[in-house]
Structure formats: structure tokens, C-alpha cells
Amino acid sequence: MKTLSRASLIALTLLISLAHTGAATEETYVQVAQPAWDQDGIHITTTAYVDMIGTPVAGESLRLITAENRMPVRTEFENRNAAFGQGMEVRIPYDWGEDNLRGDTMAVELDLTKLKHPDNPELIKVTVDCIILSSWYQRHGYVSKGTGEAKYVALQVLGSKRYAHYAHLYSFSKEIPRLLPSLSDKYRYGHGF
């Protein structure tokens, strides 16, 4: 009788647990980058949410980029998400591929069809940066051969010719080094309000 090596047993246990995870929907902590406002303008901040996730789908929680947040501000809590209530919707397309992965590429849609204030290019730029950063956070998905990892995000911009230039194939290896300083407040956008 052939025995399995320790590495094989660990890999088998991981695959079994992934298979069981796909069958269940449970609470999971996720982080998304959001365009947050303050007296100095718009900044990228990360916000944690509890989301219901079953099988890992690359980018499944990106819709939260435009969701209301509750940040502690001095003695109260305030919604500081500049994208909330602006008519923007971030989502993954359901026809893209197995768990939103085609090889090493995931897809995201930024729908600006119902944009309330179309003359705010700064907010759109920061939101696109948040999409790229959040896509990197959520770049793993479960595919038939195990877990897959995106190296690129294909962003589609819907409903606005003015901002169609943001529709692009972004490489994480190029974009993440540019965006990481924004999380330490070393990069500032201007005023968008």
C-alpha cells in the first residue's frame, strides 16, 4: 500500500476544504479601497466589511467600493465614502468566465450610466484607482483546477464617453507599486468637491 507524503496530505486537505467552502456561504471579512473625503480633498482608504461569500470569486466584493461606510470621526461616525450615492456602480460581469477569471485576467465593470455629477474627473480617477487596488486584494478565485490568481484586471467603463479612456487592461505588477504609497498618505489627490 502506497502512503502519501506530508506535502501531498496538506495539499489534499486544502483541496477538500476549498471544495467544502464552495458549497457553503458564510461571513467573511473583506477589505476594499474607497475614495474617502476630508477637508484636504480625496484620499484612498481601506474599509473592512463583513460579506457573505461561498466559493471564492475574483472581485466578488468590489461592489462595496461605492457602499456607505461608517468611519469614526472624532466623537461620531460618518460616511466618508466620496463614491457613495454618486450613481456609480462597480460590479463583476457574470459572463466573463469561470469565477471571473480568464487565465490570469479578471474583469470589472464601472457603470457610470446613472452618474449624478459627471463633471468630477478627480472622483472618477480615484475610484478607478480604488478598483485596481481592491481587485488586487481580491485577485484569487476558485476554478476547476483549484485556485486561480489574476495578474491583470480588465476594466470596462459603461455609460460615459468622457471617462471611456479608463477602460483598459491594467497590470497589477505595474499599478500596485504606484498605488501602495496612497495607503500611507504619501500620495494625495486634489479637491473634488
N, C-alpha and C. Protein backbone atom coordinates (compact mmCIF):
# COMPACT_ATOMS: atom_id res chain seq x y z
N MET A 1 0.84 -1.18 0.00
CA MET A 1 0.00 0.00 0.00
C MET A 1 0.88 1.24 0.00
N LYS A 2 0.59 2.18 -0.91
CA LYS A 2 1.39 3.40 -1.04
C LYS A 2 0.87 4.45 -0.06
N THR A 3 1.79 5.11 0.66
CA THR A 3 1.41 6.17 1.59
C THR A 3 1.68 7.53 0.97
N LEU A 4 0.90 8.49 1.37
CA LEU A 4 1.06 9.85 0.85
C LEU A 4 2.09 10.60 1.68
N SER A 5 2.85 11.43 1.00
CA SER A 5 3.82 12.27 1.70
C SER A 5 3.08 13.35 2.49
N ARG A 6 3.79 14.00 3.39
CA ARG A 6 3.20 15.06 4.20
C ARG A 6 2.70 16.20 3.31
N ALA A 7 3.48 16.58 2.30
CA ALA A 7 3.08 17.65 1.38
C ALA A 7 1.81 17.27 0.62
N SER A 8 1.71 16.01 0.21
CA SER A 8 0.52 15.55 -0.50
C SER A 8 -0.70 15.59 0.40
N LEU A 9 -0.54 15.21 1.66
CA LEU A 9 -1.65 15.25 2.61
C LEU A 9 -2.13 16.68 2.84
N ILE A 10 -1.19 17.61 2.96
CA ILE A 10 -1.55 19.01 3.15
C ILE A 10 -2.30 19.54 1.93
N ALA A 11 -1.80 19.21 0.74
CA ALA A 11 -2.45 19.66 -0.50
C ALA A 11 -3.85 19.05 -0.62
N LEU A 12 -4.00 17.79 -0.28
CA LEU A 12 -5.29 17.13 -0.33
C LEU A 12 -6.27 17.77 0.65
N THR A 13 -5.81 18.06 1.86
CA THR A 13 -6.65 18.72 2.86
C THR A 13 -7.10 20.08 2.38
N LEU A 14 -6.20 20.85 1.76
CA LEU A 14 -6.54 22.16 1.23
C LEU A 14 -7.59 22.05 0.15
N LEU A 15 -7.44 21.11 -0.77
CA LEU A 15 -8.41 20.95 -1.85
C LEU A 15 -9.78 20.53 -1.31
N ILE A 16 -9.80 19.65 -0.33
CA ILE A 16 -11.07 19.24 0.27
C ILE A 16 -11.74 20.42 0.95
N SER A 17 -10.96 21.22 1.68
CA SER A 17 -11.55 22.37 2.37
C SER A 17 -12.06 23.40 1.38
N LEU A 18 -11.36 23.58 0.25
CA LEU A 18 -11.85 24.51 -0.77
C LEU A 18 -13.15 24.01 -1.38
N ALA A 19 -13.26 22.72 -1.59
CA ALA A 19 -14.48 22.16 -2.14
C ALA A 19 -15.64 22.38 -1.18
N HIS A 20 -15.41 22.23 0.12
CA HIS A 20 -16.46 22.46 1.10
C HIS A 20 -16.79 23.94 1.22
N THR A 21 -15.80 24.81 1.09
CA THR A 21 -16.05 26.25 1.15
C THR A 21 -16.98 26.68 0.03
N GLY A 22 -16.81 26.09 -1.15
CA GLY A 22 -17.64 26.45 -2.29
C GLY A 22 -19.09 26.10 -2.09
N ALA A 23 -19.38 25.09 -1.28
CA ALA A 23 -20.75 24.67 -1.06
C ALA A 23 -21.45 25.54 -0.02
N ALA A 24 -20.71 26.23 0.78
CA ALA A 24 -21.31 27.00 1.88
C ALA A 24 -21.18 28.49 1.62
N THR A 25 -22.10 29.23 2.18
CA THR A 25 -22.00 30.68 2.18
C THR A 25 -21.83 31.09 3.63
N GLU A 26 -20.79 31.84 3.88
CA GLU A 26 -20.51 32.22 5.26
C GLU A 26 -19.97 33.63 5.33
N GLU A 27 -19.98 34.18 6.52
CA GLU A 27 -19.44 35.51 6.71
C GLU A 27 -17.94 35.50 6.55
N THR A 28 -17.45 36.47 5.81
CA THR A 28 -16.02 36.62 5.57
C THR A 28 -15.68 38.10 5.64
N TYR A 29 -14.55 38.43 6.25
CA TYR A 29 -14.09 39.81 6.27
C TYR A 29 -13.40 40.12 4.95
N VAL A 30 -13.77 41.24 4.36
CA VAL A 30 -13.13 41.69 3.12
C VAL A 30 -12.73 43.15 3.29
N GLN A 31 -11.71 43.54 2.55
CA GLN A 31 -11.29 44.94 2.53
C GLN A 31 -11.45 45.47 1.12
N VAL A 32 -11.92 46.68 1.03
CA VAL A 32 -11.95 47.36 -0.26
C VAL A 32 -11.35 48.75 -0.08
N ALA A 33 -10.74 49.23 -1.13
CA ALA A 33 -10.25 50.61 -1.14
C ALA A 33 -11.42 51.49 -1.55
N GLN A 34 -11.53 52.64 -0.91
CA GLN A 34 -12.59 53.58 -1.22
C GLN A 34 -12.03 55.00 -1.30
N PRO A 35 -12.64 55.84 -2.16
CA PRO A 35 -12.25 57.25 -2.18
C PRO A 35 -12.89 57.98 -1.00
N ALA A 36 -12.09 58.32 -0.02
CA ALA A 36 -12.60 59.00 1.18
C ALA A 36 -12.29 60.49 1.10
N TRP A 37 -13.20 61.29 1.60
CA TRP A 37 -13.02 62.74 1.55
C TRP A 37 -12.71 63.28 2.94
N ASP A 38 -11.97 64.37 2.95
CA ASP A 38 -11.76 65.17 4.16
C ASP A 38 -11.54 66.61 3.72
N GLN A 39 -11.16 67.47 4.63
CA GLN A 39 -11.00 68.89 4.30
C GLN A 39 -9.89 69.15 3.28
N ASP A 40 -8.98 68.19 3.09
CA ASP A 40 -7.88 68.38 2.14
C ASP A 40 -8.16 67.79 0.77
N GLY A 41 -9.27 67.10 0.59
CA GLY A 41 -9.57 66.51 -0.71
C GLY A 41 -9.96 65.05 -0.59
N ILE A 42 -9.62 64.28 -1.61
CA ILE A 42 -9.98 62.87 -1.67
C ILE A 42 -8.72 62.03 -1.49
N HIS A 43 -8.83 60.99 -0.70
CA HIS A 43 -7.72 60.07 -0.44
C HIS A 43 -8.22 58.65 -0.61
N ILE A 44 -7.30 57.72 -0.82
CA ILE A 44 -7.68 56.32 -0.82
C ILE A 44 -7.55 55.79 0.60
N THR A 45 -8.59 55.13 1.05
CA THR A 45 -8.57 54.48 2.35
C THR A 45 -9.10 53.06 2.19
N THR A 46 -8.73 52.18 3.09
CA THR A 46 -9.30 50.83 3.05
C THR A 46 -10.37 50.71 4.13
N THR A 47 -11.42 50.05 3.78
CA THR A 47 -12.54 49.84 4.69
C THR A 47 -12.84 48.36 4.75
N ALA A 48 -13.08 47.85 5.94
CA ALA A 48 -13.41 46.44 6.12
C ALA A 48 -14.92 46.27 6.20
N TYR A 49 -15.40 45.21 5.60
CA TYR A 49 -16.81 44.84 5.64
C TYR A 49 -16.90 43.36 5.98
N VAL A 50 -18.05 42.94 6.47
CA VAL A 50 -18.36 41.52 6.60
C VAL A 50 -19.28 41.21 5.42
N ASP A 51 -18.85 40.29 4.56
CA ASP A 51 -19.61 39.95 3.37
C ASP A 51 -19.93 38.46 3.41
N MET A 52 -20.96 38.05 2.72
CA MET A 52 -21.32 36.65 2.62
C MET A 52 -20.69 36.08 1.34
N ILE A 53 -19.78 35.15 1.52
CA ILE A 53 -19.06 34.59 0.38
C ILE A 53 -19.05 33.08 0.49
N GLY A 54 -19.32 32.42 -0.61
CA GLY A 54 -19.19 30.96 -0.69
C GLY A 54 -17.91 30.65 -1.42
N THR A 55 -18.03 30.19 -2.65
CA THR A 55 -16.87 29.90 -3.47
C THR A 55 -16.15 31.20 -3.78
N PRO A 56 -14.83 31.25 -3.56
CA PRO A 56 -14.11 32.48 -3.88
C PRO A 56 -14.21 32.84 -5.36
N VAL A 57 -14.73 34.00 -5.64
CA VAL A 57 -14.83 34.53 -6.99
C VAL A 57 -13.99 35.79 -7.02
N ALA A 58 -13.07 35.87 -7.96
CA ALA A 58 -12.20 37.04 -8.04
C ALA A 58 -13.03 38.31 -8.17
N GLY A 59 -12.85 39.22 -7.23
CA GLY A 59 -13.53 40.51 -7.28
C GLY A 59 -14.96 40.51 -6.78
N GLU A 60 -15.39 39.45 -6.11
CA GLU A 60 -16.79 39.32 -5.71
C GLU A 60 -17.29 40.48 -4.85
N SER A 61 -16.45 41.08 -4.04
CA SER A 61 -16.89 42.15 -3.13
C SER A 61 -16.57 43.55 -3.64
N LEU A 62 -16.21 43.69 -4.90
CA LEU A 62 -15.86 45.01 -5.43
C LEU A 62 -17.04 45.99 -5.41
N ARG A 63 -18.25 45.47 -5.38
CA ARG A 63 -19.43 46.34 -5.33
C ARG A 63 -19.40 47.24 -4.09
N LEU A 64 -18.65 46.84 -3.07
CA LEU A 64 -18.58 47.60 -1.82
C LEU A 64 -17.74 48.88 -1.95
N ILE A 65 -17.04 49.05 -3.06
CA ILE A 65 -16.25 50.27 -3.27
C ILE A 65 -17.15 51.50 -3.20
N THR A 66 -18.37 51.37 -3.69
CA THR A 66 -19.29 52.52 -3.69
C THR A 66 -20.33 52.43 -2.57
N ALA A 67 -20.12 51.54 -1.60
CA ALA A 67 -21.07 51.38 -0.49
C ALA A 67 -20.82 52.40 0.61
N GLU A 68 -21.85 52.64 1.38
CA GLU A 68 -21.73 53.53 2.53
C GLU A 68 -20.74 52.93 3.53
N ASN A 69 -19.94 53.79 4.13
CA ASN A 69 -19.05 53.33 5.21
C ASN A 69 -19.35 54.14 6.47
N ARG A 70 -18.85 53.70 7.57
CA ARG A 70 -19.05 54.39 8.85
C ARG A 70 -17.68 54.54 9.50
N MET A 71 -17.05 55.68 9.29
CA MET A 71 -15.72 55.94 9.84
C MET A 71 -15.82 56.74 11.13
N PRO A 72 -15.02 56.38 12.12
CA PRO A 72 -15.01 57.21 13.33
C PRO A 72 -14.32 58.55 13.04
N VAL A 73 -15.04 59.62 13.28
CA VAL A 73 -14.52 60.97 13.09
C VAL A 73 -14.74 61.71 14.41
N ARG A 74 -13.62 61.90 15.10
CA ARG A 74 -13.67 62.49 16.44
C ARG A 74 -14.63 61.70 17.34
N THR A 75 -15.79 62.23 17.69
CA THR A 75 -16.69 61.54 18.62
C THR A 75 -17.90 60.91 17.95
N GLU A 76 -17.97 60.95 16.63
CA GLU A 76 -19.12 60.41 15.89
C GLU A 76 -18.65 59.49 14.78
N PHE A 77 -19.61 58.86 14.13
CA PHE A 77 -19.33 58.06 12.94
C PHE A 77 -19.96 58.76 11.74
N GLU A 78 -19.21 58.83 10.65
CA GLU A 78 -19.70 59.50 9.44
C GLU A 78 -19.42 58.64 8.22
N ASN A 79 -20.24 58.82 7.20
CA ASN A 79 -19.95 58.21 5.91
C ASN A 79 -18.98 59.12 5.18
N ARG A 80 -17.77 58.65 4.93
CA ARG A 80 -16.76 59.46 4.24
C ARG A 80 -16.44 58.91 2.85
N ASN A 81 -17.24 57.98 2.35
CA ASN A 81 -17.00 57.43 1.03
C ASN A 81 -17.50 58.43 -0.02
N ALA A 82 -16.59 59.04 -0.73
CA ALA A 82 -16.94 60.05 -1.73
C ALA A 82 -17.71 59.44 -2.91
N ALA A 83 -17.59 58.13 -3.12
CA ALA A 83 -18.28 57.47 -4.24
C ALA A 83 -19.70 57.05 -3.88
N PHE A 84 -20.02 57.03 -2.58
CA PHE A 84 -21.35 56.59 -2.16
C PHE A 84 -22.41 57.59 -2.61
N GLY A 85 -23.49 57.08 -3.18
CA GLY A 85 -24.61 57.93 -3.57
C GLY A 85 -24.37 58.78 -4.79
N GLN A 86 -23.30 58.53 -5.53
CA GLN A 86 -22.98 59.34 -6.71
C GLN A 86 -23.49 58.74 -8.01
N GLY A 87 -24.16 57.59 -7.92
CA GLY A 87 -24.70 56.95 -9.12
C GLY A 87 -23.72 56.05 -9.84
N MET A 88 -22.62 55.73 -9.20
CA MET A 88 -21.65 54.80 -9.78
C MET A 88 -21.93 53.40 -9.27
N GLU A 89 -21.70 52.40 -10.12
CA GLU A 89 -21.84 51.01 -9.69
C GLU A 89 -20.61 50.24 -10.16
N VAL A 90 -20.01 49.52 -9.23
CA VAL A 90 -18.87 48.66 -9.55
C VAL A 90 -19.35 47.22 -9.41
N ARG A 91 -19.08 46.42 -10.43
CA ARG A 91 -19.52 45.02 -10.39
C ARG A 91 -18.62 44.16 -11.27
N ILE A 92 -18.73 42.87 -11.06
CA ILE A 92 -18.03 41.94 -11.95
C ILE A 92 -19.04 41.46 -12.98
N PRO A 93 -18.63 41.32 -14.23
CA PRO A 93 -19.56 40.82 -15.25
C PRO A 93 -19.78 39.32 -15.06
N TYR A 94 -21.01 38.89 -15.16
CA TYR A 94 -21.31 37.49 -14.91
C TYR A 94 -21.03 36.59 -16.10
N ASP A 95 -20.68 37.16 -17.24
CA ASP A 95 -20.39 36.35 -18.42
C ASP A 95 -18.90 36.29 -18.74
N TRP A 96 -18.05 36.66 -17.80
CA TRP A 96 -16.62 36.77 -18.08
C TRP A 96 -15.93 35.42 -18.14
N GLY A 97 -16.22 34.54 -17.27
CA GLY A 97 -15.55 33.24 -17.26
C GLY A 97 -15.72 32.57 -15.91
N GLU A 98 -15.08 31.44 -15.77
CA GLU A 98 -15.21 30.67 -14.54
C GLU A 98 -14.72 31.48 -13.36
N ASP A 99 -15.64 31.84 -12.48
CA ASP A 99 -15.35 32.61 -11.28
C ASP A 99 -14.59 33.91 -11.58
N ASN A 100 -14.99 34.56 -12.68
CA ASN A 100 -14.46 35.85 -13.09
C ASN A 100 -12.97 35.80 -13.45
N LEU A 101 -12.47 34.67 -13.84
CA LEU A 101 -11.09 34.56 -14.30
C LEU A 101 -11.05 33.97 -15.70
N ARG A 102 -10.30 34.62 -16.57
CA ARG A 102 -9.94 34.06 -17.87
C ARG A 102 -8.43 34.00 -17.87
N GLY A 103 -7.92 32.83 -17.57
CA GLY A 103 -6.47 32.71 -17.42
C GLY A 103 -6.03 33.54 -16.23
N ASP A 104 -5.19 34.54 -16.47
CA ASP A 104 -4.68 35.38 -15.37
C ASP A 104 -5.31 36.77 -15.37
N THR A 105 -6.52 36.90 -15.94
CA THR A 105 -7.19 38.19 -16.04
C THR A 105 -8.58 38.12 -15.42
N MET A 106 -8.89 39.11 -14.60
CA MET A 106 -10.24 39.25 -14.06
C MET A 106 -10.88 40.49 -14.67
N ALA A 107 -12.20 40.55 -14.63
CA ALA A 107 -12.91 41.67 -15.25
C ALA A 107 -13.72 42.44 -14.22
N VAL A 108 -13.82 43.75 -14.43
CA VAL A 108 -14.60 44.63 -13.57
C VAL A 108 -15.31 45.64 -14.47
N GLU A 109 -16.55 45.97 -14.10
CA GLU A 109 -17.29 47.00 -14.80
C GLU A 109 -17.50 48.19 -13.87
N LEU A 110 -17.25 49.37 -14.40
CA LEU A 110 -17.58 50.62 -13.72
C LEU A 110 -18.71 51.24 -14.52
N ASP A 111 -19.91 51.17 -13.96
CA ASP A 111 -21.10 51.66 -14.65
C ASP A 111 -21.38 53.10 -14.21
N LEU A 112 -21.25 54.02 -15.15
CA LEU A 112 -21.48 55.44 -14.88
C LEU A 112 -22.77 55.93 -15.52
N THR A 113 -23.63 55.00 -15.92
CA THR A 113 -24.88 55.35 -16.59
C THR A 113 -25.73 56.31 -15.78
N LYS A 114 -25.74 56.15 -14.46
CA LYS A 114 -26.58 56.98 -13.59
C LYS A 114 -25.76 57.99 -12.79
N LEU A 115 -24.60 58.35 -13.30
CA LEU A 115 -23.71 59.28 -12.61
C LEU A 115 -24.41 60.62 -12.36
N LYS A 116 -24.44 61.06 -11.11
CA LYS A 116 -25.17 62.27 -10.74
C LYS A 116 -24.41 63.55 -11.08
N HIS A 117 -23.09 63.53 -10.93
CA HIS A 117 -22.27 64.72 -11.19
C HIS A 117 -21.16 64.34 -12.17
N PRO A 118 -21.45 64.37 -13.47
CA PRO A 118 -20.47 63.91 -14.45
C PRO A 118 -19.22 64.78 -14.56
N ASP A 119 -19.27 65.98 -14.01
CA ASP A 119 -18.12 66.87 -14.11
C ASP A 119 -17.25 66.78 -12.84
N ASN A 120 -16.83 65.57 -12.51
CA ASN A 120 -15.96 65.36 -11.35
C ASN A 120 -14.88 64.34 -11.72
N PRO A 121 -13.96 64.73 -12.61
CA PRO A 121 -12.95 63.77 -13.08
C PRO A 121 -12.05 63.24 -11.96
N GLU A 122 -11.83 64.04 -10.93
CA GLU A 122 -10.98 63.58 -9.83
C GLU A 122 -11.61 62.38 -9.12
N LEU A 123 -12.92 62.46 -8.84
CA LEU A 123 -13.59 61.35 -8.17
C LEU A 123 -13.55 60.09 -9.02
N ILE A 124 -13.72 60.22 -10.32
CA ILE A 124 -13.67 59.05 -11.20
C ILE A 124 -12.26 58.46 -11.19
N LYS A 125 -11.23 59.30 -11.27
CA LYS A 125 -9.85 58.80 -11.26
C LYS A 125 -9.54 58.05 -9.97
N VAL A 126 -9.93 58.63 -8.83
CA VAL A 126 -9.66 57.97 -7.55
C VAL A 126 -10.45 56.67 -7.45
N THR A 127 -11.68 56.66 -7.93
CA THR A 127 -12.49 55.44 -7.89
C THR A 127 -11.86 54.35 -8.76
N VAL A 128 -11.34 54.71 -9.92
CA VAL A 128 -10.64 53.74 -10.77
C VAL A 128 -9.42 53.18 -10.03
N ASP A 129 -8.66 54.04 -9.36
CA ASP A 129 -7.52 53.56 -8.58
C ASP A 129 -7.98 52.61 -7.47
N CYS A 130 -9.11 52.91 -6.85
CA CYS A 130 -9.67 52.02 -5.81
C CYS A 130 -10.09 50.68 -6.40
N ILE A 131 -10.62 50.70 -7.61
CA ILE A 131 -11.00 49.45 -8.29
C ILE A 131 -9.76 48.59 -8.52
N ILE A 132 -8.68 49.21 -9.00
CA ILE A 132 -7.45 48.46 -9.27
C ILE A 132 -6.90 47.87 -7.97
N LEU A 133 -6.82 48.69 -6.94
CA LEU A 133 -6.28 48.23 -5.66
C LEU A 133 -7.15 47.15 -5.03
N SER A 134 -8.46 47.34 -5.03
CA SER A 134 -9.38 46.33 -4.47
C SER A 134 -9.36 45.05 -5.30
N SER A 135 -9.19 45.18 -6.60
CA SER A 135 -9.09 43.98 -7.46
C SER A 135 -7.85 43.18 -7.09
N TRP A 136 -6.79 43.88 -6.76
CA TRP A 136 -5.56 43.18 -6.34
C TRP A 136 -5.81 42.44 -5.02
N TYR A 137 -6.52 43.09 -4.08
CA TYR A 137 -6.87 42.42 -2.82
C TYR A 137 -7.66 41.14 -3.09
N GLN A 138 -8.53 41.19 -4.09
CA GLN A 138 -9.47 40.10 -4.34
C GLN A 138 -9.14 39.35 -5.64
N ARG A 139 -7.88 39.18 -5.91
CA ARG A 139 -7.44 38.61 -7.17
C ARG A 139 -7.54 37.09 -7.26
N HIS A 140 -7.87 36.41 -6.17
CA HIS A 140 -7.94 34.95 -6.18
C HIS A 140 -9.37 34.48 -6.41
N GLY A 141 -9.50 33.41 -7.15
CA GLY A 141 -10.80 32.81 -7.40
C GLY A 141 -10.64 31.31 -7.50
N TYR A 142 -11.72 30.60 -7.32
CA TYR A 142 -11.71 29.15 -7.39
C TYR A 142 -12.10 28.73 -8.80
N VAL A 143 -11.24 27.98 -9.44
CA VAL A 143 -11.51 27.45 -10.77
C VAL A 143 -11.46 25.93 -10.70
N SER A 144 -11.85 25.27 -11.77
CA SER A 144 -11.96 23.81 -11.74
C SER A 144 -10.64 23.12 -11.40
N LYS A 145 -9.53 23.76 -11.63
CA LYS A 145 -8.22 23.16 -11.34
C LYS A 145 -7.67 23.61 -9.99
N GLY A 146 -8.47 24.26 -9.17
CA GLY A 146 -8.01 24.77 -7.88
C GLY A 146 -8.22 26.27 -7.81
N THR A 147 -7.35 26.96 -7.12
CA THR A 147 -7.48 28.41 -7.05
C THR A 147 -6.68 29.05 -8.18
N GLY A 148 -7.21 30.14 -8.70
CA GLY A 148 -6.52 30.90 -9.73
C GLY A 148 -6.18 32.28 -9.20
N GLU A 149 -5.20 32.89 -9.80
CA GLU A 149 -4.79 34.23 -9.36
C GLU A 149 -4.68 35.15 -10.57
N ALA A 150 -5.38 36.26 -10.49
CA ALA A 150 -5.32 37.25 -11.57
C ALA A 150 -4.04 38.07 -11.45
N LYS A 151 -3.47 38.38 -12.58
CA LYS A 151 -2.33 39.28 -12.67
C LYS A 151 -2.71 40.59 -13.36
N TYR A 152 -3.90 40.57 -13.96
CA TYR A 152 -4.40 41.72 -14.71
C TYR A 152 -5.87 41.93 -14.37
N VAL A 153 -6.32 43.17 -14.50
CA VAL A 153 -7.75 43.47 -14.38
C VAL A 153 -8.17 44.21 -15.65
N ALA A 154 -9.19 43.68 -16.29
CA ALA A 154 -9.76 44.30 -17.49
C ALA A 154 -10.93 45.16 -17.03
N LEU A 155 -10.74 46.47 -17.04
CA LEU A 155 -11.77 47.40 -16.59
C LEU A 155 -12.58 47.87 -17.78
N GLN A 156 -13.89 47.73 -17.67
CA GLN A 156 -14.81 48.22 -18.67
C GLN A 156 -15.56 49.41 -18.06
N VAL A 157 -15.67 50.49 -18.80
CA VAL A 157 -16.40 51.67 -18.33
C VAL A 157 -17.66 51.79 -19.18
N LEU A 158 -18.79 51.80 -18.51
CA LEU A 158 -20.08 51.84 -19.19
C LEU A 158 -20.76 53.18 -18.95
N GLY A 159 -21.45 53.69 -19.98
CA GLY A 159 -22.33 54.84 -19.80
C GLY A 159 -21.70 56.21 -19.85
N SER A 160 -20.42 56.32 -20.18
CA SER A 160 -19.80 57.65 -20.22
C SER A 160 -18.68 57.67 -21.25
N LYS A 161 -18.86 58.45 -22.29
CA LYS A 161 -17.79 58.62 -23.27
C LYS A 161 -16.64 59.44 -22.69
N ARG A 162 -16.98 60.36 -21.80
CA ARG A 162 -15.96 61.23 -21.21
C ARG A 162 -14.90 60.42 -20.44
N TYR A 163 -15.33 59.38 -19.77
CA TYR A 163 -14.40 58.59 -18.94
C TYR A 163 -14.06 57.24 -19.56
N ALA A 164 -14.38 57.06 -20.83
CA ALA A 164 -14.12 55.78 -21.51
C ALA A 164 -12.62 55.47 -21.58
N HIS A 165 -11.76 56.48 -21.45
CA HIS A 165 -10.31 56.23 -21.53
C HIS A 165 -9.81 55.41 -20.35
N TYR A 166 -10.61 55.27 -19.30
CA TYR A 166 -10.21 54.41 -18.17
C TYR A 166 -10.44 52.93 -18.45
N ALA A 167 -11.20 52.62 -19.50
CA ALA A 167 -11.38 51.22 -19.90
C ALA A 167 -10.03 50.73 -20.42
N HIS A 168 -9.46 49.77 -19.73
CA HIS A 168 -8.07 49.41 -20.01
C HIS A 168 -7.76 48.07 -19.37
N LEU A 169 -6.74 47.42 -19.84
CA LEU A 169 -6.21 46.21 -19.19
C LEU A 169 -5.06 46.66 -18.29
N TYR A 170 -5.27 46.60 -16.98
CA TYR A 170 -4.28 47.08 -16.01
C TYR A 170 -3.47 45.89 -15.47
N SER A 171 -2.17 46.07 -15.40
CA SER A 171 -1.27 45.05 -14.85
C SER A 171 -1.01 45.36 -13.38
N PHE A 172 -1.26 44.38 -12.51
CA PHE A 172 -1.01 44.60 -11.09
C PHE A 172 0.46 44.90 -10.83
N SER A 173 1.36 44.26 -11.56
CA SER A 173 2.79 44.47 -11.31
C SER A 173 3.21 45.91 -11.62
N LYS A 174 2.47 46.59 -12.47
CA LYS A 174 2.77 47.99 -12.77
C LYS A 174 1.99 48.94 -11.86
N GLU A 175 0.73 48.66 -11.62
CA GLU A 175 -0.15 49.59 -10.91
C GLU A 175 0.00 49.56 -9.39
N ILE A 176 0.22 48.40 -8.81
CA ILE A 176 0.27 48.31 -7.35
C ILE A 176 1.44 49.10 -6.76
N PRO A 177 2.65 49.05 -7.32
CA PRO A 177 3.71 49.90 -6.77
C PRO A 177 3.37 51.40 -6.83
N ARG A 178 2.60 51.81 -7.82
CA ARG A 178 2.17 53.21 -7.92
C ARG A 178 1.12 53.54 -6.85
N LEU A 179 0.25 52.58 -6.53
CA LEU A 179 -0.86 52.85 -5.63
C LEU A 179 -0.56 52.63 -4.15
N LEU A 180 0.37 51.78 -3.81
CA LEU A 180 0.64 51.49 -2.40
C LEU A 180 1.00 52.73 -1.58
N PRO A 181 1.78 53.69 -2.12
CA PRO A 181 2.06 54.90 -1.32
C PRO A 181 0.79 55.67 -0.95
N SER A 182 -0.28 55.54 -1.73
CA SER A 182 -1.52 56.25 -1.40
C SER A 182 -2.11 55.75 -0.09
N LEU A 183 -1.82 54.52 0.29
CA LEU A 183 -2.36 53.98 1.54
C LEU A 183 -1.62 54.52 2.76
N SER A 184 -0.44 55.04 2.56
CA SER A 184 0.31 55.61 3.68
C SER A 184 0.25 57.13 3.68
N ASP A 185 -0.72 57.67 2.92
CA ASP A 185 -0.96 59.11 2.85
C ASP A 185 0.20 59.88 2.23
N LYS A 186 1.02 59.18 1.42
CA LYS A 186 2.13 59.87 0.75
C LYS A 186 1.72 60.41 -0.62
N TYR A 187 0.56 60.00 -1.08
CA TYR A 187 0.06 60.46 -2.36
C TYR A 187 -1.29 61.10 -2.13
N ARG A 188 -1.48 62.29 -2.61
CA ARG A 188 -2.75 62.98 -2.41
C ARG A 188 -3.34 63.36 -3.76
N TYR A 189 -4.63 63.23 -3.82
CA TYR A 189 -5.36 63.73 -4.95
C TYR A 189 -5.72 65.17 -4.60
N GLY A 190 -6.39 65.87 -5.45
CA GLY A 190 -6.73 67.25 -5.16
C GLY A 190 -8.11 67.37 -4.53
N HIS A 191 -8.75 68.48 -4.75
CA HIS A 191 -10.10 68.69 -4.23
C HIS A 191 -11.09 68.33 -5.32
N GLY A 192 -12.09 67.55 -4.97
CA GLY A 192 -13.07 67.13 -5.96
C GLY A 192 -14.47 67.56 -5.64
N PHE A 193 -14.63 68.38 -4.62
CA PHE A 193 -15.99 68.74 -4.20
C PHE A 193 -16.18 70.24 -4.23
